[in-house]
Every structure is written in structure tokens, then in C-alpha cells.
Amino acid sequence: MNKAEKGENKRLVEDYIRDKRYFQIQDLREALRERGVLFLDKTLRQYLYVLKKEKRLFSAGRGWYSNLSAPFSLDTRPIIKVTDNLREQFPLLSFSCWSTAQLQSYFHHLQGINLIFVYAGKDDLLPLFEFLKGNNYECYLNPTKRDLNTLFLASPETIILRPAISEEPRNGYAATIEKVLVDLFIEHERLQLFDTREYWTLFEKIAFQYRIDMARLMRYAGRRGVKREFENIID
């Protein structure tokens, strides 16, 4: 391959990543193959390495790349009071927590409403429920939409307890943004919080403007049985 050919091939790679918020190397390889360009795997990875070194490409989790430089930062302040109370009362309990207030600026609906989700082992949910109710929290134990007819009238802050999902992505007791996005997708349908179009608008505002760990999100979405839905929006 002469210098001109190398330059043209590098330009094709750069053109591809310019239009892709997220991609995997096999996606890039297939796109190039469709244009009649074949790369050795070593050569293609070298191009990607150089682009990452030049800060034109960034890691988005194992096997994933992104052209978004700024990672999403999830504010944990809305859940600190609840997590601190639970940690103090149940010091050996493993749980994770997130809140709609952490994404408040991305919602059209749910303004002024704070739904706090706590995920723990099935055997731990009832003690958690009794403790929270005893401390005057508006709390629901693994509810359905039918159980929540008065949800938005009862309290501006409501705690919903759910069974934990194995291998949940979290930092300590706080769910990561990848877990929040997948869980919210499940909950928006389960509790009929808002329509699916609004969910994807919110998702795009977060994941297509800021970099998230797409490998982590897809792995967790797979565990929750909704991986295909997220693959479709990324494609």
C-alpha cells in the first residue's frame, strides 16, 4: 500500500467515526468492506489507536468506541439522604439506588416528582419497606402501575423497592448512568410514567451528547432482556 492509498484509507476511517457517536470495530470493518476497502485487523486497530492518541476518538467500554469527548456525570446528591439512612440501619446490606431527580433536567414530565428506586435482595425488601415506612417515607414494595394510582398525589418524593438484578453496574450504593438508563426504560413502561418517544428523546440527550460506557449498558440491557431495543437506537 503506497502513501496515497494509506492517506485515503485513513480518511475513510475518519469519515466513518465523524458520523458515529458509538461503534464497535466490526461495524467499522463492515462499513469499509462495503466500500471495497479491506484492512488487516492490525492496521485497523493501529488507525484507531492513533485517533485515540490524538483525542479524536475515545473508549466507550470494552470493544466500543465513541467520538464524544465528554463523559456523562451523574449527580448523586438526590440519593445521598436515602442511601445514608439505609447504610446506617443496614450496614451489611448490599443495595443500589437511583432517582429520577438525577435526570430532572432531561424530563418533560415528572417535573417536581422524585421517584427513588432501591434494588436489594428479595429477602431484604420487606425489612427495608418496614424501616422506610416507619420513618415516614412514602414507599412501595415492588409495585405495579395499579398499585400506584395515587403515586403523584401522595408525595413529591416516593421510594420504590425492587429486587436486585445480578451484576448491576454501580459505584458503591449508587447506580451508574448505564444502569439508570436501562432501569428507566423498564420502569417507564411498567409504571406508565411517560411515553416511549419521550424516553428515547431523553436517552439521546444523554447518550448522544455525552459519552457513556456502551459496553456496560448493553451487557446490563441483555440481563434485563431489552438489549435489542438499545441496539436498534444505536444502529
C-alpha atoms as a PDB file:
ATOM      1  CA  MET A   1       0.000   0.000   0.000  1.00  0.00           C
ATOM      2  CA  ASN A   2       1.554   3.303  -1.082  1.00  0.00           C
ATOM      3  CA  LYS A   3       1.397   6.579   0.809  1.00  0.00           C
ATOM      4  CA  ALA A   4      -1.565   7.915  -1.176  1.00  0.00           C
ATOM      5  CA  GLU A   5      -3.572   4.746  -0.534  1.00  0.00           C
ATOM      6  CA  LYS A   6      -2.765   4.904   3.174  1.00  0.00           C
ATOM      7  CA  GLY A   7      -3.900   8.517   3.297  1.00  0.00           C
ATOM      8  CA  GLU A   8      -7.177   7.713   1.515  1.00  0.00           C
ATOM      9  CA  ASN A   9      -7.898   4.765   3.790  1.00  0.00           C
ATOM     10  CA  LYS A  10      -7.198   6.830   6.874  1.00  0.00           C
ATOM     11  CA  ARG A  11      -9.612   9.448   5.546  1.00  0.00           C
ATOM     12  CA  LEU A  12     -12.305   6.785   5.134  1.00  0.00           C
ATOM     13  CA  VAL A  13     -11.859   5.751   8.769  1.00  0.00           C
ATOM     14  CA  GLU A  14     -12.021   9.369   9.896  1.00  0.00           C
ATOM     15  CA  ASP A  15     -15.181   9.959   7.841  1.00  0.00           C
ATOM     16  CA  TYR A  16     -16.827   6.939   9.473  1.00  0.00           C
ATOM     17  CA  ILE A  17     -16.087   7.904  13.068  1.00  0.00           C
ATOM     18  CA  ARG A  18     -17.114  11.521  12.446  1.00  0.00           C
ATOM     19  CA  ASP A  19     -20.734  10.414  11.983  1.00  0.00           C
ATOM     20  CA  LYS A  20     -20.785   7.724  14.687  1.00  0.00           C
ATOM     21  CA  ARG A  21     -21.482   8.507  18.323  1.00  0.00           C
ATOM     22  CA  TYR A  22     -20.740   4.857  19.142  1.00  0.00           C
ATOM     23  CA  PHE A  23     -19.439   1.897  17.185  1.00  0.00           C
ATOM     24  CA  GLN A  24     -17.608  -1.391  17.502  1.00  0.00           C
ATOM     25  CA  ILE A  25     -14.619  -2.296  15.381  1.00  0.00           C
ATOM     26  CA  GLN A  26     -16.620  -4.904  13.465  1.00  0.00           C
ATOM     27  CA  ASP A  27     -19.101  -2.180  12.475  1.00  0.00           C
ATOM     28  CA  LEU A  28     -16.261  -0.097  11.032  1.00  0.00           C
ATOM     29  CA  ARG A  29     -14.740  -3.101   9.301  1.00  0.00           C
ATOM     30  CA  GLU A  30     -18.067  -3.963   7.652  1.00  0.00           C
ATOM     31  CA  ALA A  31     -18.642  -0.367   6.518  1.00  0.00           C
ATOM     32  CA  LEU A  32     -15.212  -0.300   4.904  1.00  0.00           C
ATOM     33  CA  ARG A  33     -15.756  -3.697   3.303  1.00  0.00           C
ATOM     34  CA  GLU A  34     -18.957  -2.405   1.698  1.00  0.00           C
ATOM     35  CA  ARG A  35     -16.846   0.302   0.080  1.00  0.00           C
ATOM     36  CA  GLY A  36     -14.385  -2.269  -1.214  1.00  0.00           C
ATOM     37  CA  VAL A  37     -11.688  -1.422   1.350  1.00  0.00           C
ATOM     38  CA  LEU A  38     -10.095  -4.311   3.231  1.00  0.00           C
ATOM     39  CA  PHE A  39      -7.880  -3.710   6.254  1.00  0.00           C
ATOM     40  CA  LEU A  40      -5.695  -6.088   8.154  1.00  0.00           C
ATOM     41  CA  ASP A  41      -7.008  -6.213  11.704  1.00  0.00           C
ATOM     42  CA  LYS A  42      -3.660  -4.982  12.993  1.00  0.00           C
ATOM     43  CA  THR A  43      -3.708  -1.998  10.625  1.00  0.00           C
ATOM     44  CA  LEU A  44      -7.260  -1.009  11.526  1.00  0.00           C
ATOM     45  CA  ARG A  45      -6.538  -1.170  15.239  1.00  0.00           C
ATOM     46  CA  GLN A  46      -3.437   0.938  14.661  1.00  0.00           C
ATOM     47  CA  TYR A  47      -5.539   3.648  12.983  1.00  0.00           C
ATOM     48  CA  LEU A  48      -7.939   3.620  15.944  1.00  0.00           C
ATOM     49  CA  TYR A  49      -5.033   3.778  18.378  1.00  0.00           C
ATOM     50  CA  VAL A  50      -3.654   6.861  16.634  1.00  0.00           C
ATOM     51  CA  LEU A  51      -7.071   8.557  16.624  1.00  0.00           C
ATOM     52  CA  LYS A  52      -7.455   7.887  20.359  1.00  0.00           C
ATOM     53  CA  LYS A  53      -3.989   9.286  20.976  1.00  0.00           C
ATOM     54  CA  GLU A  54      -4.957  12.405  19.017  1.00  0.00           C
ATOM     55  CA  LYS A  55      -8.096  12.747  21.224  1.00  0.00           C
ATOM     56  CA  ARG A  56     -10.368  12.347  18.216  1.00  0.00           C
ATOM     57  CA  LEU A  57     -11.687   9.005  19.411  1.00  0.00           C
ATOM     58  CA  PHE A  58     -12.468   7.704  22.889  1.00  0.00           C
ATOM     59  CA  SER A  59     -13.162   4.413  24.631  1.00  0.00           C
ATOM     60  CA  ALA A  60     -16.824   3.674  25.355  1.00  0.00           C
ATOM     61  CA  GLY A  61     -16.234   0.423  27.206  1.00  0.00           C
ATOM     62  CA  ARG A  62     -14.729  -2.868  26.183  1.00  0.00           C
ATOM     63  CA  GLY A  63     -14.845  -3.179  22.389  1.00  0.00           C
ATOM     64  CA  TRP A  64     -16.745   0.109  21.931  1.00  0.00           C
ATOM     65  CA  TYR A  65     -15.548   3.489  20.642  1.00  0.00           C
ATOM     66  CA  SER A  66     -17.084   6.955  20.618  1.00  0.00           C
ATOM     67  CA  ASN A  67     -16.368  10.352  19.079  1.00  0.00           C
ATOM     68  CA  LEU A  68     -17.811  12.049  22.191  1.00  0.00           C
ATOM     69  CA  SER A  69     -15.079  13.501  24.354  1.00  0.00           C
ATOM     70  CA  ALA A  70     -17.096  14.492  27.446  1.00  0.00           C
ATOM     71  CA  PRO A  71     -18.255  11.646  29.731  1.00  0.00           C
ATOM     72  CA  PHE A  72     -21.663  11.931  31.369  1.00  0.00           C
ATOM     73  CA  SER A  73     -21.509  12.901  35.036  1.00  0.00           C
ATOM     74  CA  LEU A  74     -24.378  11.622  37.201  1.00  0.00           C
ATOM     75  CA  ASP A  75     -25.221  13.776  40.219  1.00  0.00           C
ATOM     76  CA  THR A  76     -25.591  11.552  43.303  1.00  0.00           C
ATOM     77  CA  ARG A  77     -26.817  14.271  45.669  1.00  0.00           C
ATOM     78  CA  PRO A  78     -30.535  13.407  45.253  1.00  0.00           C
ATOM     79  CA  ILE A  79     -29.966   9.912  46.684  1.00  0.00           C
ATOM     80  CA  ILE A  80     -27.494  10.642  49.487  1.00  0.00           C
ATOM     81  CA  LYS A  81     -30.079  11.046  52.260  1.00  0.00           C
ATOM     82  CA  VAL A  82     -31.752   7.726  51.489  1.00  0.00           C
ATOM     83  CA  THR A  83     -28.542   5.761  50.973  1.00  0.00           C
ATOM     84  CA  ASP A  84     -27.027   7.161  54.173  1.00  0.00           C
ATOM     85  CA  ASN A  85     -30.133   6.215  56.167  1.00  0.00           C
ATOM     86  CA  LEU A  86     -30.131   2.686  54.750  1.00  0.00           C
ATOM     87  CA  ARG A  87     -26.398   2.207  55.266  1.00  0.00           C
ATOM     88  CA  GLU A  88     -26.695   3.298  58.882  1.00  0.00           C
ATOM     89  CA  GLN A  89     -29.655   0.989  59.586  1.00  0.00           C
ATOM     90  CA  PHE A  90     -28.443  -1.966  57.471  1.00  0.00           C
ATOM     91  CA  PRO A  91     -24.621  -1.761  57.419  1.00  0.00           C
ATOM     92  CA  LEU A  92     -24.192  -5.219  55.856  1.00  0.00           C
ATOM     93  CA  LEU A  93     -26.888  -4.786  53.208  1.00  0.00           C
ATOM     94  CA  SER A  94     -25.966  -4.816  49.539  1.00  0.00           C
ATOM     95  CA  PHE A  95     -28.204  -2.480  47.554  1.00  0.00           C
ATOM     96  CA  SER A  96     -28.176   0.045  44.728  1.00  0.00           C
ATOM     97  CA  CYS A  97     -30.103   3.254  44.295  1.00  0.00           C
ATOM     98  CA  TRP A  98     -31.014   5.890  41.715  1.00  0.00           C
ATOM     99  CA  SER A  99     -33.547   8.677  41.404  1.00  0.00           C
ATOM    100  CA  THR A 100     -35.453  10.433  38.649  1.00  0.00           C
ATOM    101  CA  ALA A 101     -34.254  13.691  40.230  1.00  0.00           C
ATOM    102  CA  GLN A 102     -30.785  12.815  38.936  1.00  0.00           C
ATOM    103  CA  LEU A 103     -32.125  13.290  35.396  1.00  0.00           C
ATOM    104  CA  GLN A 104     -34.649  16.025  36.144  1.00  0.00           C
ATOM    105  CA  SER A 105     -33.385  18.467  33.538  1.00  0.00           C
ATOM    106  CA  TYR A 106     -33.932  15.892  30.783  1.00  0.00           C
ATOM    107  CA  PHE A 107     -37.613  15.223  31.532  1.00  0.00           C
ATOM    108  CA  HIS A 108     -40.628  16.962  30.032  1.00  0.00           C
ATOM    109  CA  HIS A 109     -42.852  15.177  32.531  1.00  0.00           C
ATOM    110  CA  LEU A 110     -42.165  14.201  36.155  1.00  0.00           C
ATOM    111  CA  GLN A 111     -41.129  17.755  36.975  1.00  0.00           C
ATOM    112  CA  GLY A 112     -41.252  18.201  40.745  1.00  0.00           C
ATOM    113  CA  ILE A 113     -41.635  14.441  41.272  1.00  0.00           C
ATOM    114  CA  ASN A 114     -38.759  12.431  42.721  1.00  0.00           C
ATOM    115  CA  LEU A 115     -39.042   8.664  42.327  1.00  0.00           C
ATOM    116  CA  ILE A 116     -36.249   6.892  44.187  1.00  0.00           C
ATOM    117  CA  PHE A 117     -35.571   3.291  43.217  1.00  0.00           C
ATOM    118  CA  VAL A 118     -33.802   0.952  45.628  1.00  0.00           C
ATOM    119  CA  TYR A 119     -32.720  -2.510  44.468  1.00  0.00           C
ATOM    120  CA  ALA A 120     -31.887  -5.206  47.035  1.00  0.00           C
ATOM    121  CA  GLY A 121     -32.140  -8.954  47.564  1.00  0.00           C
ATOM    122  CA  LYS A 122     -35.687 -10.314  47.641  1.00  0.00           C
ATOM    123  CA  ASP A 123     -35.399 -11.336  51.296  1.00  0.00           C
ATOM    124  CA  ASP A 124     -34.254  -7.822  52.219  1.00  0.00           C
ATOM    125  CA  LEU A 125     -37.128  -5.916  50.619  1.00  0.00           C
ATOM    126  CA  LEU A 126     -39.680  -6.358  53.411  1.00  0.00           C
ATOM    127  CA  PRO A 127     -37.315  -5.182  56.211  1.00  0.00           C
ATOM    128  CA  LEU A 128     -36.386  -2.210  54.020  1.00  0.00           C
ATOM    129  CA  PHE A 129     -40.038  -1.426  53.404  1.00  0.00           C
ATOM    130  CA  GLU A 130     -40.917  -1.595  57.106  1.00  0.00           C
ATOM    131  CA  PHE A 131     -37.971   0.611  58.044  1.00  0.00           C
ATOM    132  CA  LEU A 132     -38.740   3.242  55.422  1.00  0.00           C
ATOM    133  CA  LYS A 133     -42.465   3.324  56.200  1.00  0.00           C
ATOM    134  CA  GLY A 134     -41.607   3.581  59.893  1.00  0.00           C
ATOM    135  CA  ASN A 135     -39.522   6.649  59.087  1.00  0.00           C
ATOM    136  CA  ASN A 136     -42.389   8.330  57.248  1.00  0.00           C
ATOM    137  CA  TYR A 137     -41.194   7.701  53.712  1.00  0.00           C
ATOM    138  CA  GLU A 138     -43.798   7.191  51.000  1.00  0.00           C
ATOM    139  CA  CYS A 139     -42.725   3.721  49.976  1.00  0.00           C
ATOM    140  CA  TYR A 140     -43.970   0.922  47.707  1.00  0.00           C
ATOM    141  CA  LEU A 141     -42.810  -2.705  47.723  1.00  0.00           C
ATOM    142  CA  ASN A 142     -42.246  -3.910  44.137  1.00  0.00           C
ATOM    143  CA  PRO A 143     -45.395  -2.176  42.842  1.00  0.00           C
ATOM    144  CA  THR A 144     -47.244  -2.326  39.556  1.00  0.00           C
ATOM    145  CA  LYS A 145     -48.969   0.638  37.920  1.00  0.00           C
ATOM    146  CA  ARG A 146     -52.252  -0.450  39.532  1.00  0.00           C
ATOM    147  CA  ASP A 147     -50.655  -0.088  42.967  1.00  0.00           C
ATOM    148  CA  LEU A 148     -49.600   3.471  42.193  1.00  0.00           C
ATOM    149  CA  ASN A 149     -52.872   5.163  41.262  1.00  0.00           C
ATOM    150  CA  THR A 150     -52.253   7.864  43.875  1.00  0.00           C
ATOM    151  CA  LEU A 151     -48.489   7.982  43.398  1.00  0.00           C
ATOM    152  CA  PHE A 152     -48.223  11.543  42.139  1.00  0.00           C
ATOM    153  CA  LEU A 153     -50.709  12.840  44.707  1.00  0.00           C
ATOM    154  CA  ALA A 154     -49.220  11.115  47.720  1.00  0.00           C
ATOM    155  CA  SER A 155     -45.813  12.735  47.957  1.00  0.00           C
ATOM    156  CA  PRO A 156     -43.294  14.687  45.880  1.00  0.00           C
ATOM    157  CA  GLU A 157     -40.750  12.023  46.904  1.00  0.00           C
ATOM    158  CA  THR A 158     -41.555   8.324  46.682  1.00  0.00           C
ATOM    159  CA  ILE A 159     -39.358   5.262  47.183  1.00  0.00           C
ATOM    160  CA  ILE A 160     -39.924   2.143  45.079  1.00  0.00           C
ATOM    161  CA  LEU A 161     -38.288  -1.101  46.169  1.00  0.00           C
ATOM    162  CA  ARG A 162     -37.311  -3.627  43.516  1.00  0.00           C
ATOM    163  CA  PRO A 163     -35.480  -6.987  43.567  1.00  0.00           C
ATOM    164  CA  ALA A 164     -31.821  -6.609  42.695  1.00  0.00           C
ATOM    165  CA  ILE A 165     -30.541  -7.696  39.294  1.00  0.00           C
ATOM    166  CA  SER A 166     -27.298  -9.673  39.287  1.00  0.00           C
ATOM    167  CA  GLU A 167     -24.219  -7.803  38.071  1.00  0.00           C
ATOM    168  CA  GLU A 168     -25.879  -4.401  38.291  1.00  0.00           C
ATOM    169  CA  PRO A 169     -23.481  -1.633  37.221  1.00  0.00           C
ATOM    170  CA  ARG A 170     -22.982   0.628  40.220  1.00  0.00           C
ATOM    171  CA  ASN A 171     -20.428   2.643  42.152  1.00  0.00           C
ATOM    172  CA  GLY A 172     -20.833   1.633  45.768  1.00  0.00           C
ATOM    173  CA  TYR A 173     -24.526   2.122  46.514  1.00  0.00           C
ATOM    174  CA  ALA A 174     -25.142   4.474  43.602  1.00  0.00           C
ATOM    175  CA  ALA A 175     -26.299   3.130  40.243  1.00  0.00           C
ATOM    176  CA  THR A 176     -24.236   4.189  37.238  1.00  0.00           C
ATOM    177  CA  ILE A 177     -25.844   6.099  34.386  1.00  0.00           C
ATOM    178  CA  GLU A 178     -25.891   2.885  32.328  1.00  0.00           C
ATOM    179  CA  LYS A 179     -27.999   1.108  34.950  1.00  0.00           C
ATOM    180  CA  VAL A 180     -30.247   4.147  35.347  1.00  0.00           C
ATOM    181  CA  LEU A 181     -30.967   4.319  31.613  1.00  0.00           C
ATOM    182  CA  VAL A 182     -31.818   0.628  31.339  1.00  0.00           C
ATOM    183  CA  ASP A 183     -33.884   0.574  34.537  1.00  0.00           C
ATOM    184  CA  LEU A 184     -35.733   3.715  33.494  1.00  0.00           C
ATOM    185  CA  PHE A 185     -36.623   2.078  30.194  1.00  0.00           C
ATOM    186  CA  ILE A 186     -38.125  -0.849  32.133  1.00  0.00           C
ATOM    187  CA  GLU A 187     -39.920   1.415  34.604  1.00  0.00           C
ATOM    188  CA  HIS A 188     -41.343   3.887  32.110  1.00  0.00           C
ATOM    189  CA  GLU A 189     -43.354   1.029  30.613  1.00  0.00           C
ATOM    190  CA  ARG A 190     -44.065  -0.871  33.826  1.00  0.00           C
ATOM    191  CA  LEU A 191     -45.359   2.195  35.667  1.00  0.00           C
ATOM    192  CA  GLN A 192     -46.510   4.122  32.581  1.00  0.00           C
ATOM    193  CA  LEU A 193     -44.515   7.162  33.633  1.00  0.00           C
ATOM    194  CA  PHE A 194     -44.397   8.694  30.139  1.00  0.00           C
ATOM    195  CA  ASP A 195     -44.493   7.509  26.555  1.00  0.00           C
ATOM    196  CA  THR A 196     -41.704   5.647  24.801  1.00  0.00           C
ATOM    197  CA  ARG A 197     -40.948   8.549  22.445  1.00  0.00           C
ATOM    198  CA  GLU A 198     -40.104  10.725  25.433  1.00  0.00           C
ATOM    199  CA  TYR A 199     -37.848   8.022  26.824  1.00  0.00           C
ATOM    200  CA  TRP A 200     -35.785   7.845  23.637  1.00  0.00           C
ATOM    201  CA  THR A 201     -35.602  11.635  23.473  1.00  0.00           C
ATOM    202  CA  LEU A 202     -34.169  11.610  26.989  1.00  0.00           C
ATOM    203  CA  PHE A 203     -31.783   8.779  26.095  1.00  0.00           C
ATOM    204  CA  GLU A 204     -30.468  10.634  23.057  1.00  0.00           C
ATOM    205  CA  LYS A 205     -29.960  13.847  25.034  1.00  0.00           C
ATOM    206  CA  ILE A 206     -27.773  11.959  27.468  1.00  0.00           C
ATOM    207  CA  ALA A 207     -26.044   9.226  25.484  1.00  0.00           C
ATOM    208  CA  PHE A 208     -25.596  11.122  22.203  1.00  0.00           C
ATOM    209  CA  GLN A 209     -24.312  14.343  23.771  1.00  0.00           C
ATOM    210  CA  TYR A 210     -22.146  12.763  26.473  1.00  0.00           C
ATOM    211  CA  ARG A 211     -20.112   9.602  26.440  1.00  0.00           C
ATOM    212  CA  ILE A 212     -21.331   6.617  28.438  1.00  0.00           C
ATOM    213  CA  ASP A 213     -19.965   3.095  28.788  1.00  0.00           C
ATOM    214  CA  MET A 214     -21.882   1.443  25.974  1.00  0.00           C
ATOM    215  CA  ALA A 215     -20.410  -1.978  26.653  1.00  0.00           C
ATOM    216  CA  ARG A 216     -21.671  -1.815  30.229  1.00  0.00           C
ATOM    217  CA  LEU A 217     -25.108  -0.597  29.138  1.00  0.00           C
ATOM    218  CA  MET A 218     -25.509  -3.342  26.537  1.00  0.00           C
ATOM    219  CA  ARG A 219     -24.388  -6.052  28.934  1.00  0.00           C
ATOM    220  CA  TYR A 220     -26.890  -4.930  31.566  1.00  0.00           C
ATOM    221  CA  ALA A 221     -29.652  -4.437  28.990  1.00  0.00           C
ATOM    222  CA  GLY A 222     -29.045  -8.028  27.954  1.00  0.00           C
ATOM    223  CA  ARG A 223     -29.502  -9.199  31.542  1.00  0.00           C
ATOM    224  CA  ARG A 224     -32.809  -7.330  31.664  1.00  0.00           C
ATOM    225  CA  GLY A 225     -33.997  -8.668  28.305  1.00  0.00           C
ATOM    226  CA  VAL A 226     -34.065  -5.351  26.435  1.00  0.00           C
ATOM    227  CA  LYS A 227     -30.753  -5.372  24.582  1.00  0.00           C
ATOM    228  CA  ARG A 228     -32.379  -5.375  21.138  1.00  0.00           C
ATOM    229  CA  GLU A 229     -34.224  -2.123  21.869  1.00  0.00           C
ATOM    230  CA  PHE A 230     -30.960  -0.347  22.654  1.00  0.00           C
ATOM    231  CA  GLU A 231     -29.127  -1.911  19.718  1.00  0.00           C
ATOM    232  CA  ASN A 232     -31.812  -0.532  17.423  1.00  0.00           C
ATOM    233  CA  ILE A 233     -31.456   3.042  18.662  1.00  0.00           C
ATOM    234  CA  ILE A 234     -27.640   2.895  18.487  1.00  0.00           C
ATOM    235  CA  ASP A 235     -27.771   1.481  14.952  1.00  0.00           C
END
